[in-house]
Each structure stands twice: as structure tokens, then as C-alpha cells.
PDB file of all heavy atoms in Angstrom:
ATOM      1  N   GLY A   1    -205.094 -10.905 100.024  1.00  0.00           N
ATOM      2  CA  GLY A   1    -205.776 -11.865  99.157  1.00  0.00           C
ATOM      3  C   GLY A   1    -204.917 -13.013  98.677  1.00  0.00           C
ATOM      4  O   GLY A   1    -205.417 -13.886  97.957  1.00  0.00           O
ATOM      5  N   ALA A   2    -203.640 -13.044  99.050  1.00  0.00           N
ATOM      6  CA  ALA A   2    -202.777 -14.150  98.630  1.00  0.00           C
ATOM      7  C   ALA A   2    -203.214 -15.438  99.325  1.00  0.00           C
ATOM      8  O   ALA A   2    -203.433 -15.459 100.540  1.00  0.00           O
ATOM      9  CB  ALA A   2    -201.321 -13.838  98.958  1.00  0.00           C
ATOM     10  N   ARG A   3    -203.338 -16.502  98.557  1.00  0.00           N
ATOM     11  CA  ARG A   3    -203.797 -17.791  99.087  1.00  0.00           C
ATOM     12  C   ARG A   3    -202.659 -18.797  99.024  1.00  0.00           C
ATOM     13  O   ARG A   3    -202.119 -19.068  97.956  1.00  0.00           O
ATOM     14  CB  ARG A   3    -204.991 -18.303  98.286  1.00  0.00           C
ATOM     15  CG  ARG A   3    -205.568 -19.619  98.794  1.00  0.00           C
ATOM     16  CD  ARG A   3    -206.787 -20.023  97.996  1.00  0.00           C
ATOM     17  NE  ARG A   3    -206.445 -20.411  96.643  1.00  0.00           N
ATOM     18  CZ  ARG A   3    -206.072 -21.645  96.280  1.00  0.00           C
ATOM     19  NH1 ARG A   3    -205.957 -22.600  97.200  1.00  0.00           N
ATOM     20  NH2 ARG A   3    -205.787 -21.910  95.020  1.00  0.00           N
ATOM     21  N   LEU A   4    -202.298 -19.346 100.180  1.00  0.00           N
ATOM     22  CA  LEU A   4    -201.208 -20.308 100.244  1.00  0.00           C
ATOM     23  C   LEU A   4    -201.641 -21.619  99.595  1.00  0.00           C
ATOM     24  O   LEU A   4    -202.671 -22.201  99.957  1.00  0.00           O
ATOM     25  CB  LEU A   4    -200.792 -20.539 101.697  1.00  0.00           C
ATOM     26  CG  LEU A   4    -199.588 -21.452 101.921  1.00  0.00           C
ATOM     27  CD1 LEU A   4    -198.324 -20.819 101.332  1.00  0.00           C
ATOM     28  CD2 LEU A   4    -199.403 -21.742 103.403  1.00  0.00           C
ATOM     29  N   MET A   5    -200.841 -22.099  98.642  1.00  0.00           N
ATOM     30  CA  MET A   5    -201.141 -23.348  97.950  1.00  0.00           C
ATOM     31  C   MET A   5    -200.238 -24.482  98.412  1.00  0.00           C
ATOM     32  O   MET A   5    -200.647 -25.643  98.447  1.00  0.00           O
ATOM     33  CB  MET A   5    -200.979 -23.160  96.432  1.00  0.00           C
ATOM     34  CG  MET A   5    -201.879 -22.097  95.834  1.00  0.00           C
ATOM     35  SD  MET A   5    -201.517 -21.795  94.085  1.00  0.00           S
ATOM     36  CE  MET A   5    -201.975 -23.369  93.353  1.00  0.00           C
ATOM     37  N   LYS A   6    -198.995 -24.167  98.770  1.00  0.00           N
ATOM     38  CA  LYS A   6    -198.044 -25.196  99.191  1.00  0.00           C
ATOM     39  C   LYS A   6    -196.935 -24.534  99.987  1.00  0.00           C
ATOM     40  O   LYS A   6    -196.490 -23.448  99.638  1.00  0.00           O
ATOM     41  CB  LYS A   6    -197.469 -25.913  97.964  1.00  0.00           C
ATOM     42  CG  LYS A   6    -196.449 -27.002  98.286  1.00  0.00           C
ATOM     43  CD  LYS A   6    -195.914 -27.644  97.010  1.00  0.00           C
ATOM     44  CE  LYS A   6    -194.860 -28.695  97.310  1.00  0.00           C
ATOM     45  NZ  LYS A   6    -194.302 -29.316  96.086  1.00  0.00           N
ATOM     46  N   ASP A   7    -196.491 -25.195 101.041  1.00  0.00           N
ATOM     47  CA  ASP A   7    -195.369 -24.700 101.831  1.00  0.00           C
ATOM     48  C   ASP A   7    -194.577 -25.905 102.320  1.00  0.00           C
ATOM     49  O   ASP A   7    -195.013 -26.613 103.226  1.00  0.00           O
ATOM     50  CB  ASP A   7    -195.867 -23.860 103.011  1.00  0.00           C
ATOM     51  CG  ASP A   7    -194.731 -23.078 103.664  1.00  0.00           C
ATOM     52  OD1 ASP A   7    -193.583 -23.171 103.176  1.00  0.00           O
ATOM     53  OD2 ASP A   7    -194.996 -22.376 104.654  1.00  0.00           O
ATOM     54  N   SER A   8    -193.438 -26.154 101.679  1.00  0.00           N
ATOM     55  CA  SER A   8    -192.627 -27.315 102.015  1.00  0.00           C
ATOM     56  C   SER A   8    -191.173 -26.878 102.179  1.00  0.00           C
ATOM     57  O   SER A   8    -190.839 -25.697 102.066  1.00  0.00           O
ATOM     58  CB  SER A   8    -192.735 -28.384 100.926  1.00  0.00           C
ATOM     59  OG  SER A   8    -192.113 -27.948  99.728  1.00  0.00           O
ATOM     60  N   ARG A   9    -190.319 -27.838 102.422  1.00  0.00           N
ATOM     61  CA  ARG A   9    -188.901 -27.538 102.620  1.00  0.00           C
ATOM     62  C   ARG A   9    -188.264 -26.979 101.353  1.00  0.00           C
ATOM     63  O   ARG A   9    -187.332 -26.168 101.414  1.00  0.00           O
ATOM     64  CB  ARG A   9    -188.161 -28.808 103.040  1.00  0.00           C
ATOM     65  CG  ARG A   9    -186.684 -28.617 103.337  1.00  0.00           C
ATOM     66  CD  ARG A   9    -186.051 -29.927 103.772  1.00  0.00           C
ATOM     67  NE  ARG A   9    -186.039 -30.891 102.703  1.00  0.00           N
ATOM     68  CZ  ARG A   9    -185.044 -31.001 101.794  1.00  0.00           C
ATOM     69  NH1 ARG A   9    -184.012 -30.179 101.851  1.00  0.00           N
ATOM     70  NH2 ARG A   9    -185.093 -31.919 100.848  1.00  0.00           N
ATOM     71  N   THR A  10    -188.762 -27.370 100.192  1.00  0.00           N
ATOM     72  CA  THR A  10    -188.124 -26.990  98.928  1.00  0.00           C
ATOM     73  C   THR A  10    -188.814 -25.835  98.214  1.00  0.00           C
ATOM     74  O   THR A  10    -188.155 -25.070  97.515  1.00  0.00           O
ATOM     75  CB  THR A  10    -188.077 -28.191  97.978  1.00  0.00           C
ATOM     76  OG1 THR A  10    -189.428 -28.675  97.763  1.00  0.00           O
ATOM     77  CG2 THR A  10    -187.232 -29.307  98.564  1.00  0.00           C
ATOM     78  N   THR A  11    -190.134 -25.701  98.372  1.00  0.00           N
ATOM     79  CA  THR A  11    -190.865 -24.658  97.629  1.00  0.00           C
ATOM     80  C   THR A  11    -191.979 -24.064  98.480  1.00  0.00           C
ATOM     81  O   THR A  11    -192.458 -24.700  99.438  1.00  0.00           O
ATOM     82  CB  THR A  11    -191.492 -25.229  96.339  1.00  0.00           C
ATOM     83  OG1 THR A  11    -192.356 -26.323  96.672  1.00  0.00           O
ATOM     84  CG2 THR A  11    -190.443 -25.670  95.346  1.00  0.00           C
ATOM     85  N   ARG A  12    -192.375 -22.868  98.100  1.00  0.00           N
ATOM     86  CA  ARG A  12    -193.548 -22.234  98.682  1.00  0.00           C
ATOM     87  C   ARG A  12    -194.339 -21.584  97.565  1.00  0.00           C
ATOM     88  O   ARG A  12    -193.761 -20.839  96.741  1.00  0.00           O
ATOM     89  CB  ARG A  12    -193.154 -21.200  99.731  1.00  0.00           C
ATOM     90  CG  ARG A  12    -194.352 -20.674 100.514  1.00  0.00           C
ATOM     91  CD  ARG A  12    -193.969 -19.636 101.537  1.00  0.00           C
ATOM     92  NE  ARG A  12    -195.091 -19.346 102.427  1.00  0.00           N
ATOM     93  CZ  ARG A  12    -195.160 -18.284 103.211  1.00  0.00           C
ATOM     94  NH1 ARG A  12    -194.158 -17.422 103.232  1.00  0.00           N
ATOM     95  NH2 ARG A  12    -196.201 -18.090 103.988  1.00  0.00           N
ATOM     96  N   LEU A  13    -195.644 -21.856  97.495  1.00  0.00           N
ATOM     97  CA  LEU A  13    -196.490 -21.345  96.414  1.00  0.00           C
ATOM     98  C   LEU A  13    -197.675 -20.586  96.996  1.00  0.00           C
ATOM     99  O   LEU A  13    -198.292 -21.033  97.975  1.00  0.00           O
ATOM    100  CB  LEU A  13    -197.043 -22.479  95.550  1.00  0.00           C
ATOM    101  CG  LEU A  13    -196.172 -23.107  94.474  1.00  0.00           C
ATOM    102  CD1 LEU A  13    -195.181 -24.073  95.110  1.00  0.00           C
ATOM    103  CD2 LEU A  13    -197.032 -23.837  93.457  1.00  0.00           C
ATOM    104  N   VAL A  14    -197.978 -19.450  96.378  1.00  0.00           N
ATOM    105  CA  VAL A  14    -199.211 -18.743  96.701  1.00  0.00           C
ATOM    106  C   VAL A  14    -199.904 -18.355  95.403  1.00  0.00           C
ATOM    107  O   VAL A  14    -199.259 -18.164  94.367  1.00  0.00           O
ATOM    108  CB  VAL A  14    -198.961 -17.466  97.545  1.00  0.00           C
ATOM    109  CG1 VAL A  14    -198.413 -17.809  98.898  1.00  0.00           C
ATOM    110  CG2 VAL A  14    -198.069 -16.485  96.805  1.00  0.00           C
ATOM    111  N   GLU A  15    -201.216 -18.259  95.477  1.00  0.00           N
ATOM    112  CA  GLU A  15    -202.004 -17.698  94.371  1.00  0.00           C
ATOM    113  C   GLU A  15    -202.334 -16.259  94.718  1.00  0.00           C
ATOM    114  O   GLU A  15    -202.853 -15.985  95.801  1.00  0.00           O
ATOM    115  CB  GLU A  15    -203.285 -18.492  94.152  1.00  0.00           C
ATOM    116  CG  GLU A  15    -204.158 -17.923  93.045  1.00  0.00           C
ATOM    117  CD  GLU A  15    -205.504 -18.617  92.925  1.00  0.00           C
ATOM    118  OE1 GLU A  15    -205.684 -19.683  93.560  1.00  0.00           O
ATOM    119  OE2 GLU A  15    -206.379 -18.087  92.222  1.00  0.00           O
ATOM    120  N   THR A  16    -202.010 -15.354  93.809  1.00  0.00           N
ATOM    121  CA  THR A  16    -202.275 -13.941  94.029  1.00  0.00           C
ATOM    122  C   THR A  16    -202.728 -13.311  92.718  1.00  0.00           C
ATOM    123  O   THR A  16    -202.864 -14.010  91.704  1.00  0.00           O
ATOM    124  CB  THR A  16    -201.032 -13.226  94.596  1.00  0.00           C
ATOM    125  OG1 THR A  16    -201.363 -11.881  94.926  1.00  0.00           O
ATOM    126  CG2 THR A  16    -199.885 -13.249  93.597  1.00  0.00           C
ATOM    127  N   THR A  17    -202.959 -12.016  92.746  1.00  0.00           N
ATOM    128  CA  THR A  17    -203.453 -11.315  91.560  1.00  0.00           C
ATOM    129  C   THR A  17    -202.455 -10.243  91.124  1.00  0.00           C
ATOM    130  O   THR A  17    -201.971  -9.479  91.962  1.00  0.00           O
ATOM    131  CB  THR A  17    -204.822 -10.663  91.832  1.00  0.00           C
ATOM    132  OG1 THR A  17    -205.761 -11.679  92.229  1.00  0.00           O
ATOM    133  CG2 THR A  17    -205.353  -9.971  90.584  1.00  0.00           C
ATOM    134  N   MET A  18    -202.151 -10.219  89.830  1.00  0.00           N
ATOM    135  CA  MET A  18    -201.263  -9.208  89.273  1.00  0.00           C
ATOM    136  C   MET A  18    -201.843  -8.691  87.963  1.00  0.00           C
ATOM    137  O   MET A  18    -202.692  -9.351  87.345  1.00  0.00           O
ATOM    138  CB  MET A  18    -199.861  -9.783  89.031  1.00  0.00           C
ATOM    139  CG  MET A  18    -199.092 -10.134  90.288  1.00  0.00           C
ATOM    140  SD  MET A  18    -197.387 -10.661  89.924  1.00  0.00           S
ATOM    141  CE  MET A  18    -196.742 -10.882  91.585  1.00  0.00           C
ATOM    142  N   LEU A  19    -201.368  -7.507  87.567  1.00  0.00           N
ATOM    143  CA  LEU A  19    -201.806  -6.937  86.297  1.00  0.00           C
ATOM    144  C   LEU A  19    -201.035  -7.597  85.157  1.00  0.00           C
ATOM    145  O   LEU A  19    -199.816  -7.478  85.065  1.00  0.00           O
ATOM    146  CB  LEU A  19    -201.574  -5.425  86.266  1.00  0.00           C
ATOM    147  CG  LEU A  19    -202.575  -4.549  87.010  1.00  0.00           C
ATOM    148  CD1 LEU A  19    -202.150  -3.090  86.930  1.00  0.00           C
ATOM    149  CD2 LEU A  19    -203.976  -4.705  86.423  1.00  0.00           C
ATOM    150  N   VAL A  20    -201.754  -8.296  84.297  1.00  0.00           N
ATOM    151  CA  VAL A  20    -201.169  -8.968  83.140  1.00  0.00           C
ATOM    152  C   VAL A  20    -201.924  -8.510  81.906  1.00  0.00           C
ATOM    153  O   VAL A  20    -203.145  -8.663  81.825  1.00  0.00           O
ATOM    154  CB  VAL A  20    -201.238 -10.503  83.278  1.00  0.00           C
ATOM    155  CG1 VAL A  20    -200.620 -11.175  82.054  1.00  0.00           C
ATOM    156  CG2 VAL A  20    -200.541 -10.955  84.542  1.00  0.00           C
ATOM    157  N   ASP A  21    -201.170  -7.927  80.967  1.00  0.00           N
ATOM    158  CA  ASP A  21    -201.784  -7.399  79.746  1.00  0.00           C
ATOM    159  C   ASP A  21    -202.897  -6.403  80.066  1.00  0.00           C
ATOM    160  O   ASP A  21    -203.930  -6.356  79.402  1.00  0.00           O
ATOM    161  CB  ASP A  21    -202.321  -8.549  78.894  1.00  0.00           C
ATOM    162  CG  ASP A  21    -202.421  -8.183  77.418  1.00  0.00           C
ATOM    163  OD1 ASP A  21    -201.809  -7.173  77.009  1.00  0.00           O
ATOM    164  OD2 ASP A  21    -203.114  -8.881  76.667  1.00  0.00           O
ATOM    165  N   GLY A  22    -202.689  -5.633  81.139  1.00  0.00           N
ATOM    166  CA  GLY A  22    -203.634  -4.593  81.506  1.00  0.00           C
ATOM    167  C   GLY A  22    -204.830  -5.064  82.308  1.00  0.00           C
ATOM    168  O   GLY A  22    -205.698  -4.249  82.650  1.00  0.00           O
ATOM    169  N   ARG A  23    -204.904  -6.363  82.641  1.00  0.00           N
ATOM    170  CA  ARG A  23    -206.061  -6.889  83.357  1.00  0.00           C
ATOM    171  C   ARG A  23    -205.614  -7.618  84.625  1.00  0.00           C
ATOM    172  O   ARG A  23    -204.589  -8.324  84.603  1.00  0.00           O
ATOM    173  CB  ARG A  23    -206.860  -7.854  82.479  1.00  0.00           C
ATOM    174  CG  ARG A  23    -207.446  -7.229  81.233  1.00  0.00           C
ATOM    175  CD  ARG A  23    -208.336  -8.233  80.508  1.00  0.00           C
ATOM    176  NE  ARG A  23    -207.567  -9.406  80.102  1.00  0.00           N
ATOM    177  CZ  ARG A  23    -206.937  -9.506  78.940  1.00  0.00           C
ATOM    178  NH1 ARG A  23    -206.970  -8.490  78.087  1.00  0.00           N
ATOM    179  NH2 ARG A  23    -206.278 -10.604  78.624  1.00  0.00           N
ATOM    180  N   PRO A  24    -206.379  -7.496  85.725  1.00  0.00           N
ATOM    181  CA  PRO A  24    -206.064  -8.292  86.927  1.00  0.00           C
ATOM    182  C   PRO A  24    -206.188  -9.783  86.604  1.00  0.00           C
ATOM    183  O   PRO A  24    -207.226 -10.234  86.111  1.00  0.00           O
ATOM    184  CB  PRO A  24    -207.116  -7.845  87.946  1.00  0.00           C
ATOM    185  CG  PRO A  24    -207.598  -6.519  87.438  1.00  0.00           C
ATOM    186  CD  PRO A  24    -207.501  -6.578  85.949  1.00  0.00           C
ATOM    187  N   THR A  25    -205.134 -10.531  86.876  1.00  0.00           N
ATOM    188  CA  THR A  25    -205.074 -11.942  86.496  1.00  0.00           C
ATOM    189  C   THR A  25    -204.545 -12.763  87.657  1.00  0.00           C
ATOM    190  O   THR A  25    -203.621 -12.353  88.355  1.00  0.00           O
ATOM    191  CB  THR A  25    -204.153 -12.126  85.275  1.00  0.00           C
ATOM    192  OG1 THR A  25    -204.611 -11.284  84.205  1.00  0.00           O
ATOM    193  CG2 THR A  25    -204.134 -13.563  84.795  1.00  0.00           C
ATOM    194  N   SER A  26    -205.137 -13.934  87.851  1.00  0.00           N
ATOM    195  CA  SER A  26    -204.644 -14.843  88.887  1.00  0.00           C
ATOM    196  C   SER A  26    -203.323 -15.451  88.435  1.00  0.00           C
ATOM    197  O   SER A  26    -203.214 -15.953  87.311  1.00  0.00           O
ATOM    198  CB  SER A  26    -205.665 -15.955  89.151  1.00  0.00           C
ATOM    199  OG  SER A  26    -206.833 -15.427  89.719  1.00  0.00           O
ATOM    200  N   VAL A  27    -202.326 -15.386  89.308  1.00  0.00           N
ATOM    201  CA  VAL A  27    -201.005 -15.929  89.000  1.00  0.00           C
ATOM    202  C   VAL A  27    -200.554 -16.819  90.146  1.00  0.00           C
ATOM    203  O   VAL A  27    -201.060 -16.716  91.272  1.00  0.00           O
ATOM    204  CB  VAL A  27    -199.966 -14.818  88.746  1.00  0.00           C
ATOM    205  CG1 VAL A  27    -200.409 -13.904  87.617  1.00  0.00           C
ATOM    206  CG2 VAL A  27    -199.693 -14.019  90.020  1.00  0.00           C
ATOM    207  N   VAL A  28    -199.599 -17.694  89.835  1.00  0.00           N
ATOM    208  CA  VAL A  28    -198.968 -18.529  90.849  1.00  0.00           C
ATOM    209  C   VAL A  28    -197.567 -17.981  91.083  1.00  0.00           C
ATOM    210  O   VAL A  28    -196.770 -17.871  90.138  1.00  0.00           O
ATOM    211  CB  VAL A  28    -198.906 -20.003  90.407  1.00  0.00           C
ATOM    212  CG1 VAL A  28    -198.125 -20.824  91.421  1.00  0.00           C
ATOM    213  CG2 VAL A  28    -200.310 -20.554  90.232  1.00  0.00           C
ATOM    214  N   TYR A  29    -197.272 -17.621  92.335  1.00  0.00           N
ATOM    215  CA  TYR A  29    -195.958 -17.098  92.708  1.00  0.00           C
ATOM    216  C   TYR A  29    -195.246 -18.190  93.486  1.00  0.00           C
ATOM    217  O   TYR A  29    -195.701 -18.621  94.551  1.00  0.00           O
ATOM    218  CB  TYR A  29    -196.103 -15.828  93.550  1.00  0.00           C
ATOM    219  CG  TYR A  29    -194.813 -15.071  93.746  1.00  0.00           C
ATOM    220  CD1 TYR A  29    -194.292 -14.283  92.734  1.00  0.00           C
ATOM    221  CD2 TYR A  29    -194.116 -15.141  94.948  1.00  0.00           C
ATOM    222  CE1 TYR A  29    -193.109 -13.574  92.907  1.00  0.00           C
ATOM    223  CE2 TYR A  29    -192.939 -14.441  95.142  1.00  0.00           C
ATOM    224  CZ  TYR A  29    -192.444 -13.662  94.107  1.00  0.00           C
ATOM    225  OH  TYR A  29    -191.265 -12.973  94.281  1.00  0.00           O
ATOM    226  N   LYS A  30    -194.123 -18.649  92.957  1.00  0.00           N
ATOM    227  CA  LYS A  30    -193.427 -19.803  93.517  1.00  0.00           C
ATOM    228  C   LYS A  30    -192.015 -19.433  93.927  1.00  0.00           C
ATOM    229  O   LYS A  30    -191.267 -18.859  93.142  1.00  0.00           O
ATOM    230  CB  LYS A  30    -193.388 -20.928  92.472  1.00  0.00           C
ATOM    231  CG  LYS A  30    -192.758 -22.215  92.961  1.00  0.00           C
ATOM    232  CD  LYS A  30    -192.882 -23.299  91.889  1.00  0.00           C
ATOM    233  CE  LYS A  30    -192.345 -24.635  92.373  1.00  0.00           C
ATOM    234  NZ  LYS A  30    -192.509 -25.697  91.342  1.00  0.00           N
ATOM    235  N   ARG A  31    -191.666 -19.765  95.165  1.00  0.00           N
ATOM    236  CA  ARG A  31    -190.301 -19.560  95.643  1.00  0.00           C
ATOM    237  C   ARG A  31    -189.606 -20.915  95.763  1.00  0.00           C
ATOM    238  O   ARG A  31    -190.137 -21.851  96.368  1.00  0.00           O
ATOM    239  CB  ARG A  31    -190.302 -18.873  97.012  1.00  0.00           C
ATOM    240  CG  ARG A  31    -188.880 -18.589  97.542  1.00  0.00           C
ATOM    241  CD  ARG A  31    -188.907 -17.906  98.883  1.00  0.00           C
ATOM    242  NE  ARG A  31    -189.379 -18.806  99.931  1.00  0.00           N
ATOM    243  CZ  ARG A  31    -189.782 -18.398 101.125  1.00  0.00           C
ATOM    244  NH1 ARG A  31    -189.778 -17.107 101.412  1.00  0.00           N
ATOM    245  NH2 ARG A  31    -190.215 -19.268 102.029  1.00  0.00           N
ATOM    246  N   PHE A  32    -188.421 -20.978  95.186  1.00  0.00           N
ATOM    247  CA  PHE A  32    -187.596 -22.178  95.307  1.00  0.00           C
ATOM    248  C   PHE A  32    -186.624 -21.955  96.466  1.00  0.00           C
ATOM    249  O   PHE A  32    -185.687 -21.163  96.365  1.00  0.00           O
ATOM    250  CB  PHE A  32    -186.828 -22.431  94.004  1.00  0.00           C
ATOM    251  CG  PHE A  32    -187.717 -22.779  92.832  1.00  0.00           C
ATOM    252  CD1 PHE A  32    -188.381 -21.791  92.125  1.00  0.00           C
ATOM    253  CD2 PHE A  32    -187.895 -24.094  92.449  1.00  0.00           C
ATOM    254  CE1 PHE A  32    -189.195 -22.109  91.055  1.00  0.00           C
ATOM    255  CE2 PHE A  32    -188.699 -24.422  91.378  1.00  0.00           C
ATOM    256  CZ  PHE A  32    -189.362 -23.432  90.689  1.00  0.00           C
ATOM    257  N   ASN A  33    -186.862 -22.621  97.576  1.00  0.00           N
ATOM    258  CA  ASN A  33    -186.022 -22.441  98.767  1.00  0.00           C
ATOM    259  C   ASN A  33    -184.646 -23.078  98.565  1.00  0.00           C
ATOM    260  O   ASN A  33    -184.486 -24.020  97.785  1.00  0.00           O
ATOM    261  CB  ASN A  33    -186.690 -23.076  99.989  1.00  0.00           C
ATOM    262  CG  ASN A  33    -188.033 -22.443 100.295  1.00  0.00           C
ATOM    263  OD1 ASN A  33    -188.235 -21.255 100.041  1.00  0.00           O
ATOM    264  ND2 ASN A  33    -188.949 -23.231 100.815  1.00  0.00           N
ATOM    265  N   ARG A  34    -183.695 -22.553  99.297  1.00  0.00           N
ATOM    266  CA  ARG A  34    -182.367 -23.176  99.295  1.00  0.00           C
ATOM    267  C   ARG A  34    -182.423 -24.477 100.078  1.00  0.00           C
ATOM    268  O   ARG A  34    -182.818 -24.508 101.230  1.00  0.00           O
ATOM    269  CB  ARG A  34    -181.341 -22.230  99.911  1.00  0.00           C
ATOM    270  CG  ARG A  34    -180.933 -21.072  99.022  1.00  0.00           C
ATOM    271  CD  ARG A  34    -179.878 -20.223  99.718  1.00  0.00           C
ATOM    272  NE  ARG A  34    -180.416 -19.585 100.917  1.00  0.00           N
ATOM    273  CZ  ARG A  34    -179.767 -19.487 102.055  1.00  0.00           C
ATOM    274  NH1 ARG A  34    -178.574 -20.020 102.195  1.00  0.00           N
ATOM    275  NH2 ARG A  34    -180.312 -18.884 103.079  1.00  0.00           N
ATOM    276  N   LYS A  35    -181.997 -25.569  99.440  1.00  0.00           N
ATOM    277  CA  LYS A  35    -181.940 -26.846 100.143  1.00  0.00           C
ATOM    278  C   LYS A  35    -180.704 -26.923 101.036  1.00  0.00           C
ATOM    279  O   LYS A  35    -180.751 -27.478 102.134  1.00  0.00           O
ATOM    280  CB  LYS A  35    -181.915 -28.002  99.140  1.00  0.00           C
ATOM    281  CG  LYS A  35    -183.192 -28.157  98.316  1.00  0.00           C
ATOM    282  CD  LYS A  35    -183.054 -29.360  97.388  1.00  0.00           C
ATOM    283  CE  LYS A  35    -184.312 -29.569  96.566  1.00  0.00           C
ATOM    284  NZ  LYS A  35    -184.180 -30.753  95.668  1.00  0.00           N
ATOM    285  N   LYS A  36    -179.593 -26.375 100.532  1.00  0.00           N
ATOM    286  CA  LYS A  36    -178.320 -26.433 101.262  1.00  0.00           C
ATOM    287  C   LYS A  36    -177.669 -25.059 101.206  1.00  0.00           C
ATOM    288  O   LYS A  36    -177.954 -24.249 100.314  1.00  0.00           O
ATOM    289  CB  LYS A  36    -177.392 -27.480 100.653  1.00  0.00           C
ATOM    290  CG  LYS A  36    -177.970 -28.887 100.619  1.00  0.00           C
ATOM    291  CD  LYS A  36    -177.032 -29.847  99.905  1.00  0.00           C
ATOM    292  CE  LYS A  36    -177.635 -31.250  99.823  1.00  0.00           C
ATOM    293  NZ  LYS A  36    -176.755 -32.184  99.077  1.00  0.00           N
ATOM    294  N   TRP A  37    -176.763 -24.815 102.132  1.00  0.00           N
ATOM    295  CA  TRP A  37    -176.090 -23.513 102.167  1.00  0.00           C
ATOM    296  C   TRP A  37    -175.240 -23.283 100.927  1.00  0.00           C
ATOM    297  O   TRP A  37    -174.989 -22.136 100.537  1.00  0.00           O
ATOM    298  CB  TRP A  37    -175.210 -23.426 103.409  1.00  0.00           C
ATOM    299  CG  TRP A  37    -174.026 -24.376 103.386  1.00  0.00           C
ATOM    300  CD1 TRP A  37    -173.976 -25.631 103.877  1.00  0.00           C
ATOM    301  CD2 TRP A  37    -172.737 -24.114 102.816  1.00  0.00           C
ATOM    302  NE1 TRP A  37    -172.742 -26.209 103.652  1.00  0.00           N
ATOM    303  CE2 TRP A  37    -171.952 -25.285 103.016  1.00  0.00           C
ATOM    304  CE3 TRP A  37    -172.151 -23.023 102.169  1.00  0.00           C
ATOM    305  CZ2 TRP A  37    -170.643 -25.390 102.572  1.00  0.00           C
ATOM    306  CZ3 TRP A  37    -170.838 -23.122 101.740  1.00  0.00           C
ATOM    307  CH2 TRP A  37    -170.095 -24.298 101.935  1.00  0.00           C
ATOM    308  N   ILE A  38    -174.803 -24.350 100.252  1.00  0.00           N
ATOM    309  CA  ILE A  38    -173.909 -24.216  99.097  1.00  0.00           C
ATOM    310  C   ILE A  38    -174.671 -23.987  97.796  1.00  0.00           C
ATOM    311  O   ILE A  38    -174.059 -23.735  96.752  1.00  0.00           O
ATOM    312  CB  ILE A  38    -173.013 -25.471  98.990  1.00  0.00           C
ATOM    313  CG1 ILE A  38    -171.757 -25.151  98.155  1.00  0.00           C
ATOM    314  CG2 ILE A  38    -173.779 -26.652  98.395  1.00  0.00           C
ATOM    315  CD1 ILE A  38    -170.730 -26.266  98.145  1.00  0.00           C
ATOM    316  N   ASP A  39    -176.001 -24.035  97.840  1.00  0.00           N
ATOM    317  CA  ASP A  39    -176.786 -23.881  96.610  1.00  0.00           C
ATOM    318  C   ASP A  39    -176.471 -22.598  95.842  1.00  0.00           C
ATOM    319  O   ASP A  39    -176.344 -22.621  94.620  1.00  0.00           O
ATOM    320  CB  ASP A  39    -178.285 -23.946  96.930  1.00  0.00           C
ATOM    321  CG  ASP A  39    -178.748 -25.382  97.108  1.00  0.00           C
ATOM    322  OD1 ASP A  39    -177.937 -26.301  96.859  1.00  0.00           O
ATOM    323  OD2 ASP A  39    -179.909 -25.592  97.493  1.00  0.00           O
ATOM    324  N   PRO A  40    -176.341 -21.427  96.499  1.00  0.00           N
ATOM    325  CA  PRO A  40    -176.009 -20.207  95.747  1.00  0.00           C
ATOM    326  C   PRO A  40    -174.679 -20.301  95.015  1.00  0.00           C
ATOM    327  O   PRO A  40    -174.519 -19.755  93.920  1.00  0.00           O
ATOM    328  CB  PRO A  40    -175.983 -19.120  96.818  1.00  0.00           C
ATOM    329  CG  PRO A  40    -176.858 -19.641  97.912  1.00  0.00           C
ATOM    330  CD  PRO A  40    -176.631 -21.120  97.912  1.00  0.00           C
TER     331      PRO A  40
END
């Protein structure tokens, strides 16, 4: 059920569902990609 919202060189976003305060809630899960090898 995860829905892709954005996929670029710098970030990737999906909308998914997680339990928040005991209730299924739509959330945005965002990954910040490494731009350069030295970023870490």
C-alpha cells in the first residue's frame, strides 16, 4: 500500500500507514539520499 510521492537524486518519499496513538494513520516516509560519498 505504499504510494510513491517523489523519487529524485536527493530524496525519496512514500505515503504509507503506521500506528500512531493507537490508530492507523497516513504518514510520509522520507529518505534523504547521500549526495556525495563524503556526506557521512
